[in-house]
PDB file of N, CA and C in Angstrom:
ATOM      1  N   GLN A   1      61.198 -40.285-132.352  1.00  0.00           N
ATOM      2  CA  GLN A   1      60.345 -40.393-133.518  1.00  0.00           C
ATOM      3  C   GLN A   1      61.123 -40.971-134.690  1.00  0.00           C
ATOM      4  N   VAL A   2      60.453 -41.745-135.480  1.00  0.00           N
ATOM      5  CA  VAL A   2      61.039 -42.285-136.684  1.00  0.00           C
ATOM      6  C   VAL A   2      60.055 -42.058-137.822  1.00  0.00           C
ATOM      7  N   GLN A   3      60.565 -41.630-138.956  1.00  0.00           N
ATOM      8  CA  GLN A   3      59.731 -41.409-140.135  1.00  0.00           C
ATOM      9  C   GLN A   3      59.796 -42.642-141.028  1.00  0.00           C
ATOM     10  N   LEU A   4      58.641 -43.071-141.526  1.00  0.00           N
ATOM     11  CA  LEU A   4      58.559 -44.305-142.296  1.00  0.00           C
ATOM     12  C   LEU A   4      57.953 -44.048-143.661  1.00  0.00           C
ATOM     13  N   VAL A   5      58.503 -44.690-144.682  1.00  0.00           N
ATOM     14  CA  VAL A   5      57.969 -44.581-146.037  1.00  0.00           C
ATOM     15  C   VAL A   5      57.995 -45.958-146.696  1.00  0.00           C
ATOM     16  N   GLU A   6      56.821 -46.425-147.104  1.00  0.00           N
ATOM     17  CA  GLU A   6      56.718 -47.721-147.757  1.00  0.00           C
ATOM     18  C   GLU A   6      56.909 -47.593-149.268  1.00  0.00           C
ATOM     19  N   SER A   7      57.336 -48.682-149.894  1.00  0.00           N
ATOM     20  CA  SER A   7      57.434 -48.742-151.356  1.00  0.00           C
ATOM     21  C   SER A   7      57.312 -50.195-151.786  1.00  0.00           C
ATOM     22  N   GLY A   8      57.113 -50.404-153.088  1.00  0.00           N
ATOM     23  CA  GLY A   8      57.074 -51.756-153.618  1.00  0.00           C
ATOM     24  C   GLY A   8      55.695 -52.284-153.941  1.00  0.00           C
ATOM     25  N   GLY A   9      54.671 -51.501-153.647  1.00  0.00           N
ATOM     26  CA  GLY A   9      53.324 -51.944-153.966  1.00  0.00           C
ATOM     27  C   GLY A   9      53.072 -51.911-155.459  1.00  0.00           C
ATOM     28  N   GLY A  10      51.923 -52.433-155.873  1.00  0.00           N
ATOM     29  CA  GLY A  10      51.578 -52.423-157.281  1.00  0.00           C
ATOM     30  C   GLY A  10      50.496 -53.425-157.596  1.00  0.00           C
ATOM     31  N   LEU A  11      50.347 -53.704-158.885  1.00  0.00           N
ATOM     32  CA  LEU A  11      49.341 -54.644-159.371  1.00  0.00           C
ATOM     33  C   LEU A  11      50.030 -55.951-159.751  1.00  0.00           C
ATOM     34  N   VAL A  12      49.496 -57.058-159.265  1.00  0.00           N
ATOM     35  CA  VAL A  12      50.084 -58.365-159.546  1.00  0.00           C
ATOM     36  C   VAL A  12      48.964 -59.381-159.713  1.00  0.00           C
ATOM     37  N   GLN A  13      49.212 -60.392-160.497  1.00  0.00           N
ATOM     38  CA  GLN A  13      48.222 -61.456-160.676  1.00  0.00           C
ATOM     39  C   GLN A  13      48.261 -62.431-159.506  1.00  0.00           C
ATOM     40  N   ALA A  14      47.162 -63.075-159.289  1.00  0.00           N
ATOM     41  CA  ALA A  14      47.099 -64.098-158.241  1.00  0.00           C
ATOM     42  C   ALA A  14      48.178 -65.147-158.480  1.00  0.00           C
ATOM     43  N   GLY A  15      48.828 -65.528-157.385  1.00  0.00           N
ATOM     44  CA  GLY A  15      49.927 -66.477-157.467  1.00  0.00           C
ATOM     45  C   GLY A  15      51.278 -65.816-157.598  1.00  0.00           C
ATOM     46  N   GLY A  16      51.283 -64.522-157.862  1.00  0.00           N
ATOM     47  CA  GLY A  16      52.522 -63.791-158.034  1.00  0.00           C
ATOM     48  C   GLY A  16      53.148 -63.365-156.722  1.00  0.00           C
ATOM     49  N   SER A  17      54.220 -62.584-156.826  1.00  0.00           N
ATOM     50  CA  SER A  17      54.972 -62.151-155.659  1.00  0.00           C
ATOM     51  C   SER A  17      55.242 -60.658-155.708  1.00  0.00           C
ATOM     52  N   LEU A  18      55.414 -60.084-154.547  1.00  0.00           N
ATOM     53  CA  LEU A  18      55.829 -58.695-154.406  1.00  0.00           C
ATOM     54  C   LEU A  18      56.710 -58.595-153.177  1.00  0.00           C
ATOM     55  N   ARG A  19      57.616 -57.617-153.201  1.00  0.00           N
ATOM     56  CA  ARG A  19      58.429 -57.342-152.033  1.00  0.00           C
ATOM     57  C   ARG A  19      58.226 -55.894-151.639  1.00  0.00           C
ATOM     58  N   LEU A  20      57.692 -55.696-150.450  1.00  0.00           N
ATOM     59  CA  LEU A  20      57.508 -54.355-149.927  1.00  0.00           C
ATOM     60  C   LEU A  20      58.723 -53.952-149.102  1.00  0.00           C
ATOM     61  N   SER A  21      59.031 -52.670-149.153  1.00  0.00           N
ATOM     62  CA  SER A  21      60.095 -52.117-148.331  1.00  0.00           C
ATOM     63  C   SER A  21      59.538 -50.962-147.517  1.00  0.00           C
ATOM     64  N   CYS A  22      60.149 -50.723-146.385  1.00  0.00           N
ATOM     65  CA  CYS A  22      59.787 -49.593-145.533  1.00  0.00           C
ATOM     66  C   CYS A  22      61.094 -48.952-145.075  1.00  0.00           C
ATOM     67  N   ALA A  23      61.355 -47.770-145.589  1.00  0.00           N
ATOM     68  CA  ALA A  23      62.578 -47.054-145.235  1.00  0.00           C
ATOM     69  C   ALA A  23      62.320 -46.161-144.042  1.00  0.00           C
ATOM     70  N   ALA A  24      63.195 -46.238-143.061  1.00  0.00           N
ATOM     71  CA  ALA A  24      63.056 -45.441-141.852  1.00  0.00           C
ATOM     72  C   ALA A  24      64.149 -44.389-141.801  1.00  0.00           C
ATOM     73  N   SER A  25      63.766 -43.210-141.367  1.00  0.00           N
ATOM     74  CA  SER A  25      64.749 -42.141-141.220  1.00  0.00           C
ATOM     75  C   SER A  25      65.364 -42.204-139.835  1.00  0.00           C
ATOM     76  N   GLY A  26      66.460 -41.520-139.664  1.00  0.00           N
ATOM     77  CA  GLY A  26      67.074 -41.463-138.348  1.00  0.00           C
ATOM     78  C   GLY A  26      67.973 -42.643-138.083  1.00  0.00           C
ATOM     79  N   ARG A  27      68.641 -42.585-136.947  1.00  0.00           N
ATOM     80  CA  ARG A  27      69.599 -43.619-136.587  1.00  0.00           C
ATOM     81  C   ARG A  27      69.068 -44.545-135.509  1.00  0.00           C
ATOM     82  N   THR A  28      67.749 -44.448-135.230  1.00  0.00           N
ATOM     83  CA  THR A  28      67.186 -45.212-134.122  1.00  0.00           C
ATOM     84  C   THR A  28      66.338 -46.387-134.575  1.00  0.00           C
ATOM     85  N   PHE A  29      66.418 -46.749-135.842  1.00  0.00           N
ATOM     86  CA  PHE A  29      65.586 -47.830-136.367  1.00  0.00           C
ATOM     87  C   PHE A  29      65.734 -49.092-135.537  1.00  0.00           C
ATOM     88  N   ARG A  30      66.949 -49.395-135.123  1.00  0.00           N
ATOM     89  CA  ARG A  30      67.189 -50.633-134.384  1.00  0.00           C
ATOM     90  C   ARG A  30      66.559 -50.636-132.996  1.00  0.00           C
ATOM     91  N   SER A  31      66.054 -49.478-132.582  1.00  0.00           N
ATOM     92  CA  SER A  31      65.418 -49.367-131.265  1.00  0.00           C
ATOM     93  C   SER A  31      63.930 -49.695-131.300  1.00  0.00           C
ATOM     94  N   TYR A  32      63.401 -49.967-132.480  1.00  0.00           N
ATOM     95  CA  TYR A  32      61.961 -50.156-132.639  1.00  0.00           C
ATOM     96  C   TYR A  32      61.601 -51.583-133.044  1.00  0.00           C
ATOM     97  N   ASP A  33      60.540 -52.082-132.422  1.00  0.00           N
ATOM     98  CA  ASP A  33      59.869 -53.255-132.962  1.00  0.00           C
ATOM     99  C   ASP A  33      59.067 -52.776-134.171  1.00  0.00           C
ATOM    100  N   MET A  34      59.051 -53.579-135.231  1.00  0.00           N
ATOM    101  CA  MET A  34      58.419 -53.159-136.473  1.00  0.00           C
ATOM    102  C   MET A  34      57.327 -54.128-136.892  1.00  0.00           C
ATOM    103  N   ALA A  35      56.376 -53.610-137.656  1.00  0.00           N
ATOM    104  CA  ALA A  35      55.262 -54.461-138.086  1.00  0.00           C
ATOM    105  C   ALA A  35      54.710 -53.989-139.416  1.00  0.00           C
ATOM    106  N   TRP A  36      53.998 -54.887-140.039  1.00  0.00           N
ATOM    107  CA  TRP A  36      53.195 -54.572-141.217  1.00  0.00           C
ATOM    108  C   TRP A  36      51.729 -54.801-140.865  1.00  0.00           C
ATOM    109  N   PHE A  37      50.907 -53.849-141.267  1.00  0.00           N
ATOM    110  CA  PHE A  37      49.459 -53.960-141.185  1.00  0.00           C
ATOM    111  C   PHE A  37      48.903 -53.739-142.581  1.00  0.00           C
ATOM    112  N   ARG A  38      47.644 -54.081-142.766  1.00  0.00           N
ATOM    113  CA  ARG A  38      46.995 -53.803-144.042  1.00  0.00           C
ATOM    114  C   ARG A  38      45.539 -53.431-143.808  1.00  0.00           C
ATOM    115  N   GLN A  39      45.007 -52.695-144.768  1.00  0.00           N
ATOM    116  CA  GLN A  39      43.603 -52.286-144.684  1.00  0.00           C
ATOM    117  C   GLN A  39      42.972 -52.388-146.059  1.00  0.00           C
ATOM    118  N   ALA A  40      41.995 -53.257-146.168  1.00  0.00           N
ATOM    119  CA  ALA A  40      41.246 -53.415-147.407  1.00  0.00           C
ATOM    120  C   ALA A  40      40.061 -52.461-147.407  1.00  0.00           C
ATOM    121  N   PRO A  41      39.546 -52.129-148.580  1.00  0.00           N
ATOM    122  CA  PRO A  41      38.404 -51.204-148.649  1.00  0.00           C
ATOM    123  C   PRO A  41      37.226 -51.699-147.818  1.00  0.00           C
ATOM    124  N   GLY A  42      36.705 -50.817-146.988  1.00  0.00           N
ATOM    125  CA  GLY A  42      35.543 -51.162-146.183  1.00  0.00           C
ATOM    126  C   GLY A  42      35.834 -52.040-144.988  1.00  0.00           C
ATOM    127  N   LYS A  43      37.107 -52.311-144.732  1.00  0.00           N
ATOM    128  CA  LYS A  43      37.467 -53.173-143.608  1.00  0.00           C
ATOM    129  C   LYS A  43      38.383 -52.445-142.644  1.00  0.00           C
ATOM    130  N   GLU A  44      38.488 -52.991-141.447  1.00  0.00           N
ATOM    131  CA  GLU A  44      39.380 -52.417-140.455  1.00  0.00           C
ATOM    132  C   GLU A  44      40.828 -52.797-140.762  1.00  0.00           C
ATOM    133  N   ARG A  45      41.750 -51.977-140.247  1.00  0.00           N
ATOM    134  CA  ARG A  45      43.155 -52.289-140.399  1.00  0.00           C
ATOM    135  C   ARG A  45      43.461 -53.577-139.641  1.00  0.00           C
ATOM    136  N   GLU A  46      44.233 -54.472-140.265  1.00  0.00           N
ATOM    137  CA  GLU A  46      44.528 -55.736-139.628  1.00  0.00           C
ATOM    138  C   GLU A  46      46.028 -56.005-139.606  1.00  0.00           C
ATOM    139  N   PHE A  47      46.428 -56.731-138.591  1.00  0.00           N
ATOM    140  CA  PHE A  47      47.824 -57.110-138.409  1.00  0.00           C
ATOM    141  C   PHE A  47      48.244 -58.131-139.460  1.00  0.00           C
ATOM    142  N   VAL A  48      49.468 -57.964-139.970  1.00  0.00           N
ATOM    143  CA  VAL A  48      50.027 -58.918-140.933  1.00  0.00           C
ATOM    144  C   VAL A  48      51.217 -59.649-140.326  1.00  0.00           C
ATOM    145  N   SER A  49      52.198 -58.877-139.842  1.00  0.00           N
ATOM    146  CA  SER A  49      53.414 -59.493-139.328  1.00  0.00           C
ATOM    147  C   SER A  49      54.184 -58.498-138.478  1.00  0.00           C
ATOM    148  N   ALA A  50      54.988 -59.014-137.553  1.00  0.00           N
ATOM    149  CA  ALA A  50      55.817 -58.161-136.706  1.00  0.00           C
ATOM    150  C   ALA A  50      57.175 -58.810-136.493  1.00  0.00           C
ATOM    151  N   ILE A  51      58.163 -57.967-136.224  1.00  0.00           N
ATOM    152  CA  ILE A  51      59.524 -58.447-135.980  1.00  0.00           C
ATOM    153  C   ILE A  51      60.132 -57.599-134.877  1.00  0.00           C
ATOM    154  N   ARG A  52      60.808 -58.251-133.944  1.00  0.00           N
ATOM    155  CA  ARG A  52      61.413 -57.556-132.820  1.00  0.00           C
ATOM    156  C   ARG A  52      62.639 -56.755-133.262  1.00  0.00           C
ATOM    157  N   LYS A  53      63.126 -55.914-132.348  1.00  0.00           N
ATOM    158  CA  LYS A  53      64.217 -54.981-132.649  1.00  0.00           C
ATOM    159  C   LYS A  53      65.419 -55.666-133.305  1.00  0.00           C
ATOM    160  N   ASN A  54      65.821 -56.795-132.750  1.00  0.00           N
ATOM    161  CA  ASN A  54      67.016 -57.465-133.259  1.00  0.00           C
ATOM    162  C   ASN A  54      66.679 -58.566-134.265  1.00  0.00           C
ATOM    163  N   GLY A  55      65.420 -58.667-134.640  1.00  0.00           N
ATOM    164  CA  GLY A  55      65.004 -59.683-135.600  1.00  0.00           C
ATOM    165  C   GLY A  55      64.898 -61.073-135.028  1.00  0.00           C
ATOM    166  N   GLY A  56      65.070 -61.191-133.711  1.00  0.00           N
ATOM    167  CA  GLY A  56      65.105 -62.505-133.098  1.00  0.00           C
ATOM    168  C   GLY A  56      63.758 -63.183-132.978  1.00  0.00           C
ATOM    169  N   SER A  57      62.686 -62.414-132.951  1.00  0.00           N
ATOM    170  CA  SER A  57      61.341 -62.994-132.837  1.00  0.00           C
ATOM    171  C   SER A  57      60.455 -62.424-133.931  1.00  0.00           C
ATOM    172  N   ILE A  58      59.699 -63.286-134.557  1.00  0.00           N
ATOM    173  CA  ILE A  58      58.854 -62.906-135.684  1.00  0.00           C
ATOM    174  C   ILE A  58      57.466 -63.493-135.480  1.00  0.00           C
ATOM    175  N   TYR A  59      56.451 -62.743-135.902  1.00  0.00           N
ATOM    176  CA  TYR A  59      55.071 -63.149-135.716  1.00  0.00           C
ATOM    177  C   TYR A  59      54.296 -62.907-137.009  1.00  0.00           C
ATOM    178  N   TYR A  60      53.341 -63.786-137.287  1.00  0.00           N
ATOM    179  CA  TYR A  60      52.520 -63.659-138.486  1.00  0.00           C
ATOM    180  C   TYR A  60      51.055 -63.870-138.156  1.00  0.00           C
ATOM    181  N   ALA A  61      50.212 -63.192-138.905  1.00  0.00           N
ATOM    182  CA  ALA A  61      48.791 -63.505-138.878  1.00  0.00           C
ATOM    183  C   ALA A  61      48.595 -64.852-139.561  1.00  0.00           C
ATOM    184  N   ASP A  62      47.618 -65.599-139.106  1.00  0.00           N
ATOM    185  CA  ASP A  62      47.374 -66.928-139.686  1.00  0.00           C
ATOM    186  C   ASP A  62      47.113 -66.851-141.186  1.00  0.00           C
ATOM    187  N   SER A  63      46.514 -65.771-141.628  1.00  0.00           N
ATOM    188  CA  SER A  63      46.125 -65.643-143.036  1.00  0.00           C
ATOM    189  C   SER A  63      47.317 -65.523-143.982  1.00  0.00           C
ATOM    190  N   VAL A  64      48.487 -65.171-143.455  1.00  0.00           N
ATOM    191  CA  VAL A  64      49.655 -64.982-144.321  1.00  0.00           C
ATOM    192  C   VAL A  64      50.785 -65.949-143.993  1.00  0.00           C
ATOM    193  N   LYS A  65      50.634 -66.713-142.940  1.00  0.00           N
ATOM    194  CA  LYS A  65      51.684 -67.625-142.506  1.00  0.00           C
ATOM    195  C   LYS A  65      52.013 -68.613-143.621  1.00  0.00           C
ATOM    196  N   GLY A  66      53.304 -68.760-143.907  1.00  0.00           N
ATOM    197  CA  GLY A  66      53.740 -69.655-144.964  1.00  0.00           C
ATOM    198  C   GLY A  66      53.830 -69.002-146.331  1.00  0.00           C
ATOM    199  N   ARG A  67      53.249 -67.811-146.466  1.00  0.00           N
ATOM    200  CA  ARG A  67      53.286 -67.101-147.753  1.00  0.00           C
ATOM    201  C   ARG A  67      54.101 -65.811-147.677  1.00  0.00           C
ATOM    202  N   PHE A  68      54.056 -65.131-146.533  1.00  0.00           N
ATOM    203  CA  PHE A  68      54.755 -63.861-146.352  1.00  0.00           C
ATOM    204  C   PHE A  68      55.958 -64.069-145.432  1.00  0.00           C
ATOM    205  N   THR A  69      56.999 -63.291-145.681  1.00  0.00           N
ATOM    206  CA  THR A  69      58.187 -63.326-144.837  1.00  0.00           C
ATOM    207  C   THR A  69      58.603 -61.910-144.498  1.00  0.00           C
ATOM    208  N   ILE A  70      58.667 -61.614-143.213  1.00  0.00           N
ATOM    209  CA  ILE A  70      59.116 -60.306-142.759  1.00  0.00           C
ATOM    210  C   ILE A  70      60.599 -60.382-142.423  1.00  0.00           C
ATOM    211  N   SER A  71      61.307 -59.298-142.688  1.00  0.00           N
ATOM    212  CA  SER A  71      62.720 -59.222-142.332  1.00  0.00           C
ATOM    213  C   SER A  71      63.099 -57.761-142.163  1.00  0.00           C
ATOM    214  N   ARG A  72      64.267 -57.546-141.599  1.00  0.00           N
ATOM    215  CA  ARG A  72      64.747 -56.182-141.415  1.00  0.00           C
ATOM    216  C   ARG A  72      66.250 -56.133-141.567  1.00  0.00           C
ATOM    217  N   ASP A  73      66.727 -54.991-142.005  1.00  0.00           N
ATOM    218  CA  ASP A  73      68.157 -54.749-142.120  1.00  0.00           C
ATOM    219  C   ASP A  73      68.443 -53.497-141.305  1.00  0.00           C
ATOM    220  N   ASN A  74      68.917 -53.689-140.088  1.00  0.00           N
ATOM    221  CA  ASN A  74      69.147 -52.546-139.207  1.00  0.00           C
ATOM    222  C   ASN A  74      70.288 -51.646-139.699  1.00  0.00           C
ATOM    223  N   THR A  75      71.201 -52.189-140.496  1.00  0.00           N
ATOM    224  CA  THR A  75      72.289 -51.362-141.020  1.00  0.00           C
ATOM    225  C   THR A  75      71.784 -50.408-142.097  1.00  0.00           C
ATOM    226  N   ARG A  76      70.672 -50.770-142.729  1.00  0.00           N
ATOM    227  CA  ARG A  76      70.088 -49.923-143.763  1.00  0.00           C
ATOM    228  C   ARG A  76      68.785 -49.274-143.311  1.00  0.00           C
ATOM    229  N   SER A  77      68.413 -49.489-142.059  1.00  0.00           N
ATOM    230  CA  SER A  77      67.175 -48.912-141.503  1.00  0.00           C
ATOM    231  C   SER A  77      65.981 -49.223-142.397  1.00  0.00           C
ATOM    232  N   THR A  78      65.853 -50.465-142.786  1.00  0.00           N
ATOM    233  CA  THR A  78      64.799 -50.861-143.709  1.00  0.00           C
ATOM    234  C   THR A  78      64.097 -52.129-143.244  1.00  0.00           C
ATOM    235  N   LEU A  79      62.795 -52.120-143.394  1.00  0.00           N
ATOM    236  CA  LEU A  79      61.951 -53.274-143.100  1.00  0.00           C
ATOM    237  C   LEU A  79      61.435 -53.826-144.425  1.00  0.00           C
ATOM    238  N   PHE A  80      61.305 -55.145-144.498  1.00  0.00           N
ATOM    239  CA  PHE A  80      60.850 -55.776-145.736  1.00  0.00           C
ATOM    240  C   PHE A  80      59.668 -56.705-145.469  1.00  0.00           C
ATOM    241  N   LEU A  81      58.882 -56.929-146.519  1.00  0.00           N
ATOM    242  CA  LEU A  81      57.845 -57.952-146.476  1.00  0.00           C
ATOM    243  C   LEU A  81      57.827 -58.638-147.840  1.00  0.00           C
ATOM    244  N   GLN A  82      58.317 -59.859-147.879  1.00  0.00           N
ATOM    245  CA  GLN A  82      58.276 -60.664-149.091  1.00  0.00           C
ATOM    246  C   GLN A  82      56.950 -61.399-149.122  1.00  0.00           C
ATOM    247  N   LYS A  83      56.197 -61.185-150.188  1.00  0.00           N
ATOM    248  CA  LYS A  83      54.861 -61.740-150.292  1.00  0.00           C
ATOM    249  C   LYS A  83      54.795 -62.680-151.486  1.00  0.00           C
ATOM    250  N   ASN A  84      54.572 -63.937-151.227  1.00  0.00           N
ATOM    251  CA  ASN A  84      54.469 -64.942-152.274  1.00  0.00           C
ATOM    252  C   ASN A  84      53.065 -65.535-152.307  1.00  0.00           C
ATOM    253  N   SER A  85      52.762 -66.226-153.397  1.00  0.00           N
ATOM    254  CA  SER A  85      51.457 -66.888-153.543  1.00  0.00           C
ATOM    255  C   SER A  85      50.316 -65.931-153.233  1.00  0.00           C
ATOM    256  N   LEU A  86      50.378 -64.754-153.807  1.00  0.00           N
ATOM    257  CA  LEU A  86      49.388 -63.722-153.501  1.00  0.00           C
ATOM    258  C   LEU A  86      47.999 -64.122-153.977  1.00  0.00           C
ATOM    259  N   MET A  87      47.024 -63.691-153.207  1.00  0.00           N
ATOM    260  CA  MET A  87      45.620 -63.991-153.496  1.00  0.00           C
ATOM    261  C   MET A  87      44.846 -62.683-153.587  1.00  0.00           C
ATOM    262  N   PRO A  88      43.724 -62.670-154.287  1.00  0.00           N
ATOM    263  CA  PRO A  88      42.939 -61.430-154.374  1.00  0.00           C
ATOM    264  C   PRO A  88      42.588 -60.849-153.011  1.00  0.00           C
ATOM    265  N   GLU A  89      42.401 -61.690-152.019  1.00  0.00           N
ATOM    266  CA  GLU A  89      42.059 -61.180-150.690  1.00  0.00           C
ATOM    267  C   GLU A  89      43.230 -60.509-149.990  1.00  0.00           C
ATOM    268  N   ASP A  90      44.415 -60.545-150.602  1.00  0.00           N
ATOM    269  CA  ASP A  90      45.552 -59.801-150.082  1.00  0.00           C
ATOM    270  C   ASP A  90      45.537 -58.344-150.541  1.00  0.00           C
ATOM    271  N   THR A  91      44.597 -58.005-151.400  1.00  0.00           N
ATOM    272  CA  THR A  91      44.482 -56.633-151.886  1.00  0.00           C
ATOM    273  C   THR A  91      44.179 -55.691-150.726  1.00  0.00           C
ATOM    274  N   ALA A  92      45.013 -54.670-150.569  1.00  0.00           N
ATOM    275  CA  ALA A  92      44.866 -53.733-149.449  1.00  0.00           C
ATOM    276  C   ALA A  92      45.939 -52.664-149.564  1.00  0.00           C
ATOM    277  N   VAL A  93      45.805 -51.657-148.739  1.00  0.00           N
ATOM    278  CA  VAL A  93      46.904 -50.724-148.512  1.00  0.00           C
ATOM    279  C   VAL A  93      47.732 -51.302-147.374  1.00  0.00           C
ATOM    280  N   TYR A  94      49.022 -51.410-147.605  1.00  0.00           N
ATOM    281  CA  TYR A  94      49.929 -51.991-146.614  1.00  0.00           C
ATOM    282  C   TYR A  94      50.700 -50.867-145.935  1.00  0.00           C
ATOM    283  N   TYR A  95      50.737 -50.933-144.598  1.00  0.00           N
ATOM    284  CA  TYR A  95      51.401 -49.927-143.785  1.00  0.00           C
ATOM    285  C   TYR A  95      52.505 -50.567-142.955  1.00  0.00           C
ATOM    286  N   CYS A  96      53.627 -49.887-142.844  1.00  0.00           N
ATOM    287  CA  CYS A  96      54.598 -50.309-141.853  1.00  0.00           C
ATOM    288  C   CYS A  96      54.439 -49.422-140.623  1.00  0.00           C
ATOM    289  N   ALA A  97      54.785 -49.974-139.484  1.00  0.00           N
ATOM    290  CA  ALA A  97      54.594 -49.283-138.220  1.00  0.00           C
ATOM    291  C   ALA A  97      55.738 -49.602-137.277  1.00  0.00           C
ATOM    292  N   ALA A  98      56.024 -48.652-136.392  1.00  0.00           N
ATOM    293  CA  ALA A  98      57.122 -48.808-135.439  1.00  0.00           C
ATOM    294  C   ALA A  98      56.621 -48.622-134.023  1.00  0.00           C
ATOM    295  N   SER A  99      57.124 -49.479-133.130  1.00  0.00           N
ATOM    296  CA  SER A  99      56.772 -49.397-131.721  1.00  0.00           C
ATOM    297  C   SER A  99      58.041 -49.338-130.885  1.00  0.00           C
ATOM    298  N   ALA A 100      58.076 -48.343-129.971  1.00  0.00           N
ATOM    299  CA  ALA A 100      59.252 -48.218-129.104  1.00  0.00           C
ATOM    300  C   ALA A 100      59.336 -49.385-128.135  1.00  0.00           C
ATOM    301  N   SER A 101      58.189 -49.875-127.715  1.00  0.00           N
ATOM    302  CA  SER A 101      58.172 -51.036-126.820  1.00  0.00           C
ATOM    303  C   SER A 101      56.769 -51.609-126.806  1.00  0.00           C
ATOM    304  N   ALA A 102      56.657 -52.892-126.964  1.00  0.00           N
ATOM    305  CA  ALA A 102      55.356 -53.548-126.941  1.00  0.00           C
ATOM    306  C   ALA A 102      55.540 -54.955-126.400  1.00  0.00           C
ATOM    307  N   ILE A 103      54.646 -55.347-125.525  1.00  0.00           N
ATOM    308  CA  ILE A 103      54.715 -56.724-125.043  1.00  0.00           C
ATOM    309  C   ILE A 103      54.156 -57.641-126.119  1.00  0.00           C
ATOM    310  N   THR A 104      54.566 -58.877-126.079  1.00  0.00           N
ATOM    311  CA  THR A 104      54.234 -59.819-127.140  1.00  0.00           C
ATOM    312  C   THR A 104      52.734 -59.895-127.402  1.00  0.00           C
ATOM    313  N   SER A 105      51.952 -59.882-126.366  1.00  0.00           N
ATOM    314  CA  SER A 105      50.505 -60.058-126.535  1.00  0.00           C
ATOM    315  C   SER A 105      49.844 -58.879-127.225  1.00  0.00           C
ATOM    316  N   THR A 106      50.552 -57.762-127.338  1.00  0.00           N
ATOM    317  CA  THR A 106      49.961 -56.577-127.969  1.00  0.00           C
ATOM    318  C   THR A 106      50.583 -56.245-129.315  1.00  0.00           C
ATOM    319  N   LEU A 107      51.481 -57.067-129.804  1.00  0.00           N
ATOM    320  CA  LEU A 107      52.145 -56.773-131.072  1.00  0.00           C
ATOM    321  C   LEU A 107      51.171 -56.733-132.242  1.00  0.00           C
ATOM    322  N   GLY A 108      50.055 -57.389-132.134  1.00  0.00           N
ATOM    323  CA  GLY A 108      49.076 -57.415-133.210  1.00  0.00           C
ATOM    324  C   GLY A 108      48.075 -56.288-133.169  1.00  0.00           C
ATOM    325  N   ARG A 109      48.227 -55.379-132.233  1.00  0.00           N
ATOM    326  CA  ARG A 109      47.285 -54.274-132.080  1.00  0.00           C
ATOM    327  C   ARG A 109      47.871 -52.996-132.651  1.00  0.00           C
ATOM    328  N   SER A 110      47.124 -52.323-133.494  1.00  0.00           N
ATOM    329  CA  SER A 110      47.628 -51.093-134.098  1.00  0.00           C
ATOM    330  C   SER A 110      47.917 -50.025-133.055  1.00  0.00           C
ATOM    331  N   ALA A 111      47.203 -50.051-131.942  1.00  0.00           N
ATOM    332  CA  ALA A 111      47.410 -49.052-130.893  1.00  0.00           C
ATOM    333  C   ALA A 111      48.781 -49.169-130.231  1.00  0.00           C
ATOM    334  N   SER A 112      49.471 -50.285-130.429  1.00  0.00           N
ATOM    335  CA  SER A 112      50.795 -50.473-129.840  1.00  0.00           C
ATOM    336  C   SER A 112      51.887 -49.731-130.602  1.00  0.00           C
ATOM    337  N   TYR A 113      51.562 -49.191-131.760  1.00  0.00           N
ATOM    338  CA  TYR A 113      52.553 -48.583-132.639  1.00  0.00           C
ATOM    339  C   TYR A 113      52.362 -47.069-132.693  1.00  0.00           C
ATOM    340  N   GLN A 114      53.461 -46.350-132.511  1.00  0.00           N
ATOM    341  CA  GLN A 114      53.410 -44.900-132.418  1.00  0.00           C
ATOM    342  C   GLN A 114      53.706 -44.203-133.748  1.00  0.00           C
ATOM    343  N   ASN A 115      54.339 -44.900-134.637  1.00  0.00           N
ATOM    344  CA  ASN A 115      54.760 -44.276-135.893  1.00  0.00           C
ATOM    345  C   ASN A 115      54.286 -45.118-137.069  1.00  0.00           C
ATOM    346  N   TRP A 116      53.752 -44.452-138.082  1.00  0.00           N
ATOM    347  CA  TRP A 116      53.186 -45.134-139.241  1.00  0.00           C
ATOM    348  C   TRP A 116      53.660 -44.482-140.543  1.00  0.00           C
ATOM    349  N   GLY A 117      53.802 -45.306-141.563  1.00  0.00           N
ATOM    350  CA  GLY A 117      54.044 -44.774-142.887  1.00  0.00           C
ATOM    351  C   GLY A 117      52.728 -44.441-143.571  1.00  0.00           C
ATOM    352  N   PRO A 118      52.775 -43.794-144.733  1.00  0.00           N
ATOM    353  CA  PRO A 118      51.560 -43.401-145.448  1.00  0.00           C
ATOM    354  C   PRO A 118      50.864 -44.564-146.148  1.00  0.00           C
ATOM    355  N   GLY A 119      51.575 -45.678-146.323  1.00  0.00           N
ATOM    356  CA  GLY A 119      50.973 -46.853-146.939  1.00  0.00           C
ATOM    357  C   GLY A 119      51.310 -46.996-148.410  1.00  0.00           C
ATOM    358  N   THR A 120      51.232 -48.224-148.901  1.00  0.00           N
ATOM    359  CA  THR A 120      51.437 -48.518-150.309  1.00  0.00           C
ATOM    360  C   THR A 120      50.361 -49.505-150.761  1.00  0.00           C
ATOM    361  N   GLN A 121      49.780 -49.234-151.917  1.00  0.00           N
ATOM    362  CA  GLN A 121      48.663 -50.042-152.399  1.00  0.00           C
ATOM    363  C   GLN A 121      49.168 -51.321-153.058  1.00  0.00           C
ATOM    364  N   VAL A 122      48.555 -52.430-152.686  1.00  0.00           N
ATOM    365  CA  VAL A 122      48.813 -53.712-153.330  1.00  0.00           C
ATOM    366  C   VAL A 122      47.485 -54.228-153.870  1.00  0.00           C
ATOM    367  N   THR A 123      47.447 -54.505-155.160  1.00  0.00           N
ATOM    368  CA  THR A 123      46.239 -55.019-155.789  1.00  0.00           C
ATOM    369  C   THR A 123      46.556 -56.349-156.457  1.00  0.00           C
ATOM    370  N   VAL A 124      45.803 -57.378-156.085  1.00  0.00           N
ATOM    371  CA  VAL A 124      46.011 -58.711-156.637  1.00  0.00           C
ATOM    372  C   VAL A 124      44.798 -59.063-157.487  1.00  0.00           C
ATOM    373  N   SER A 125      45.026 -59.272-158.768  1.00  0.00           N
ATOM    374  CA  SER A 125      43.933 -59.595-159.674  1.00  0.00           C
ATOM    375  C   SER A 125      43.755 -61.107-159.766  1.00  0.00           C
ATOM    376  N   ALA A 126      42.503 -61.503-159.966  1.00  0.00           N
ATOM    377  CA  ALA A 126      42.190 -62.938-160.026  1.00  0.00           C
ATOM    378  C   ALA A 126      42.645 -63.564-161.336  1.00  0.00           C
TER     379      ALA A 126
END
């Protein structure tokens, strides 16, 4: 098990940037594939981005490709999401998630992840 806590959310104007962090407890962070999901009011949780254990493979949802960058620092047990060119439709609660093992085709599914943080709110004003 790994405990996750997100931070870095807030209110930003359209076109602005935010950097989210997800701190993981324990010494097993490097054993997990990690991802960011988001959930807007009245909508289902959706995949944003994922990164493999060693950071060697990265995946993005089409809606954020070119604007968001996922990264991880295994020495600090921390996952990051750099978000640039933010748009009002990026407004959501952002969650980080950890998966002990997931095949590539399932990385975008929330059911593939066993551990979740409580989420951090991101609001983008027009």
